[in-house]
């Protein structure tokens, strides 16, 4: 990890939040242009975009796998714990965006 932990922690949260909100906004625009139901499409897109927002926020999966490997095999539990917290932060950002989208669209079928 090149940057300090706390900036990476907050970046992870807000990148996942931004990917979810931006992706659903652009998807909603495409639904509007094609004549689909906009709010239903936004809700549907947000459900499928959640995992991709988490992956984008943690910077891909290979660094994560390497950090877990380093933590388990070399006994460096500090790096393992940091990577777990970064994933948890990204999940929190994606879930926050999903809740905001759910409130805005009034779709409760999560």
C-alpha atoms as a PDB file:
ATOM      1  CA  UNK A   1       0.000   0.000   0.000  1.00  0.00           C
ATOM      2  CA  UNK A   2       1.547   3.244  -1.135  1.00  0.00           C
ATOM      3  CA  UNK A   3      -0.689   5.700   0.684  1.00  0.00           C
ATOM      4  CA  UNK A   4      -1.435   6.028   4.377  1.00  0.00           C
ATOM      5  CA  UNK A   5      -4.218   3.896   5.786  1.00  0.00           C
ATOM      6  CA  UNK A   6      -6.820   6.505   6.749  1.00  0.00           C
ATOM      7  CA  UNK A   7      -6.843   8.321   3.394  1.00  0.00           C
ATOM      8  CA  UNK A   8      -7.135   4.934   1.679  1.00  0.00           C
ATOM      9  CA  UNK A   9      -9.966   4.004   4.067  1.00  0.00           C
ATOM     10  CA  UNK A  10     -11.978   7.130   3.217  1.00  0.00           C
ATOM     11  CA  UNK A  11     -11.112   6.888  -0.476  1.00  0.00           C
ATOM     12  CA  UNK A  12     -12.411   3.333  -0.535  1.00  0.00           C
ATOM     13  CA  UNK A  13     -15.737   4.416   0.969  1.00  0.00           C
ATOM     14  CA  UNK A  14     -16.280   7.376  -1.333  1.00  0.00           C
ATOM     15  CA  UNK A  15     -15.090   5.630  -4.498  1.00  0.00           C
ATOM     16  CA  UNK A  16     -17.652   2.869  -3.941  1.00  0.00           C
ATOM     17  CA  UNK A  17     -20.307   5.496  -3.199  1.00  0.00           C
ATOM     18  CA  UNK A  18     -19.419   7.439  -6.343  1.00  0.00           C
ATOM     19  CA  UNK A  19     -19.368   4.386  -8.596  1.00  0.00           C
ATOM     20  CA  UNK A  20     -22.814   3.377  -7.391  1.00  0.00           C
ATOM     21  CA  UNK A  21     -24.392   6.831  -7.664  1.00  0.00           C
ATOM     22  CA  UNK A  22     -22.717   7.716 -10.951  1.00  0.00           C
ATOM     23  CA  UNK A  23     -23.390   4.354 -12.552  1.00  0.00           C
ATOM     24  CA  UNK A  24     -27.049   4.361 -11.648  1.00  0.00           C
ATOM     25  CA  UNK A  25     -27.445   7.973 -12.761  1.00  0.00           C
ATOM     26  CA  UNK A  26     -25.980   7.232 -16.192  1.00  0.00           C
ATOM     27  CA  UNK A  27     -27.998   4.006 -16.383  1.00  0.00           C
ATOM     28  CA  UNK A  28     -31.142   5.963 -15.519  1.00  0.00           C
ATOM     29  CA  UNK A  29     -30.343   8.427 -18.288  1.00  0.00           C
ATOM     30  CA  UNK A  30     -30.017   5.540 -20.733  1.00  0.00           C
ATOM     31  CA  UNK A  31     -33.349   4.137 -19.523  1.00  0.00           C
ATOM     32  CA  UNK A  32     -34.960   7.523 -20.092  1.00  0.00           C
ATOM     33  CA  UNK A  33     -33.552   7.771 -23.615  1.00  0.00           C
ATOM     34  CA  UNK A  34     -34.753   4.268 -24.517  1.00  0.00           C
ATOM     35  CA  UNK A  35     -38.198   4.802 -23.002  1.00  0.00           C
ATOM     36  CA  UNK A  36     -37.889   2.332 -20.116  1.00  0.00           C
ATOM     37  CA  UNK A  37     -39.203   2.880 -16.593  1.00  0.00           C
ATOM     38  CA  UNK A  38     -36.491   5.096 -15.151  1.00  0.00           C
ATOM     39  CA  UNK A  39     -36.842   4.507 -11.406  1.00  0.00           C
ATOM     40  CA  UNK A  40     -37.251   0.752 -11.783  1.00  0.00           C
ATOM     41  CA  UNK A  41     -34.149   0.584 -14.006  1.00  0.00           C
ATOM     42  CA  UNK A  42     -32.136   2.673 -11.550  1.00  0.00           C
ATOM     43  CA  UNK A  43     -33.098   0.294  -8.749  1.00  0.00           C
ATOM     44  CA  UNK A  44     -32.247  -2.752 -10.864  1.00  0.00           C
ATOM     45  CA  UNK A  45     -28.887  -1.326 -11.943  1.00  0.00           C
ATOM     46  CA  UNK A  46     -27.914  -0.495  -8.366  1.00  0.00           C
ATOM     47  CA  UNK A  47     -28.379  -4.119  -7.303  1.00  0.00           C
ATOM     48  CA  UNK A  48     -26.078  -5.396 -10.034  1.00  0.00           C
ATOM     49  CA  UNK A  49     -23.502  -2.644  -9.680  1.00  0.00           C
ATOM     50  CA  UNK A  50     -22.802  -3.143  -5.975  1.00  0.00           C
ATOM     51  CA  UNK A  51     -20.079  -5.790  -6.302  1.00  0.00           C
ATOM     52  CA  UNK A  52     -18.359  -3.841  -9.090  1.00  0.00           C
ATOM     53  CA  UNK A  53     -18.309  -0.724  -6.943  1.00  0.00           C
ATOM     54  CA  UNK A  54     -16.584  -2.654  -4.159  1.00  0.00           C
ATOM     55  CA  UNK A  55     -14.002  -4.096  -6.554  1.00  0.00           C
ATOM     56  CA  UNK A  56     -13.333  -0.671  -8.086  1.00  0.00           C
ATOM     57  CA  UNK A  57     -12.940   0.886  -4.645  1.00  0.00           C
ATOM     58  CA  UNK A  58     -10.330  -1.580  -3.409  1.00  0.00           C
ATOM     59  CA  UNK A  59      -8.342  -1.225  -6.614  1.00  0.00           C
ATOM     60  CA  UNK A  60      -8.942  -4.639  -8.142  1.00  0.00           C
ATOM     61  CA  UNK A  61      -8.676  -8.078  -6.638  1.00  0.00           C
ATOM     62  CA  UNK A  62      -4.990  -8.941  -7.207  1.00  0.00           C
ATOM     63  CA  UNK A  63      -3.632  -6.510  -4.623  1.00  0.00           C
ATOM     64  CA  UNK A  64      -6.195  -7.771  -2.150  1.00  0.00           C
ATOM     65  CA  UNK A  65      -5.247 -11.399  -2.758  1.00  0.00           C
ATOM     66  CA  UNK A  66      -1.557 -10.536  -2.426  1.00  0.00           C
ATOM     67  CA  UNK A  67      -2.176  -8.731   0.875  1.00  0.00           C
ATOM     68  CA  UNK A  68      -4.158 -11.676   2.229  1.00  0.00           C
ATOM     69  CA  UNK A  69      -1.415 -14.076   1.118  1.00  0.00           C
ATOM     70  CA  UNK A  70       1.245 -11.907   2.768  1.00  0.00           C
ATOM     71  CA  UNK A  71      -0.835 -11.750   5.934  1.00  0.00           C
ATOM     72  CA  UNK A  72      -1.409 -15.480   6.184  1.00  0.00           C
ATOM     73  CA  UNK A  73       1.895 -16.892   4.985  1.00  0.00           C
ATOM     74  CA  UNK A  74       4.291 -14.330   6.421  1.00  0.00           C
ATOM     75  CA  UNK A  75       2.407 -13.755   9.645  1.00  0.00           C
ATOM     76  CA  UNK A  76       1.801 -10.085   8.923  1.00  0.00           C
ATOM     77  CA  UNK A  77      -1.630  -9.764  10.466  1.00  0.00           C
ATOM     78  CA  UNK A  78      -1.433  -5.970  10.403  1.00  0.00           C
ATOM     79  CA  UNK A  79      -1.659  -5.913   6.584  1.00  0.00           C
ATOM     80  CA  UNK A  80      -4.395  -8.535   6.656  1.00  0.00           C
ATOM     81  CA  UNK A  81      -6.448  -6.464   9.090  1.00  0.00           C
ATOM     82  CA  UNK A  82      -5.904  -3.255   7.068  1.00  0.00           C
ATOM     83  CA  UNK A  83      -7.065  -4.956   3.867  1.00  0.00           C
ATOM     84  CA  UNK A  84     -10.129  -6.322   5.656  1.00  0.00           C
ATOM     85  CA  UNK A  85     -10.997  -2.814   6.870  1.00  0.00           C
ATOM     86  CA  UNK A  86     -10.578  -1.398   3.350  1.00  0.00           C
ATOM     87  CA  UNK A  87     -12.994  -4.004   1.983  1.00  0.00           C
ATOM     88  CA  UNK A  88     -15.397  -3.254   4.819  1.00  0.00           C
ATOM     89  CA  UNK A  89     -15.179   0.473   4.026  1.00  0.00           C
ATOM     90  CA  UNK A  90     -15.934  -0.179   0.340  1.00  0.00           C
ATOM     91  CA  UNK A  91     -18.898  -2.346   1.318  1.00  0.00           C
ATOM     92  CA  UNK A  92     -20.134   0.474   3.541  1.00  0.00           C
ATOM     93  CA  UNK A  93     -19.895   2.984   0.701  1.00  0.00           C
ATOM     94  CA  UNK A  94     -21.754   0.689  -1.697  1.00  0.00           C
ATOM     95  CA  UNK A  95     -24.435  -0.009   0.907  1.00  0.00           C
ATOM     96  CA  UNK A  96     -24.845   3.696   1.687  1.00  0.00           C
ATOM     97  CA  UNK A  97     -25.322   4.463  -2.007  1.00  0.00           C
ATOM     98  CA  UNK A  98     -27.772   1.573  -2.309  1.00  0.00           C
ATOM     99  CA  UNK A  99     -29.813   2.992   0.572  1.00  0.00           C
ATOM    100  CA  UNK A 100     -29.814   6.467  -0.969  1.00  0.00           C
ATOM    101  CA  UNK A 101     -30.970   5.034  -4.283  1.00  0.00           C
ATOM    102  CA  UNK A 102     -33.635   2.973  -2.530  1.00  0.00           C
ATOM    103  CA  UNK A 103     -34.914   6.095  -0.737  1.00  0.00           C
ATOM    104  CA  UNK A 104     -34.982   8.117  -3.943  1.00  0.00           C
ATOM    105  CA  UNK A 105     -36.681   5.461  -6.069  1.00  0.00           C
ATOM    106  CA  UNK A 106     -38.975   4.130  -3.321  1.00  0.00           C
ATOM    107  CA  UNK A 107     -38.177   0.557  -4.448  1.00  0.00           C
ATOM    108  CA  UNK A 108     -38.092  -1.752  -1.447  1.00  0.00           C
ATOM    109  CA  UNK A 109     -37.349  -5.069  -3.123  1.00  0.00           C
ATOM    110  CA  UNK A 110     -33.690  -5.432  -2.116  1.00  0.00           C
END
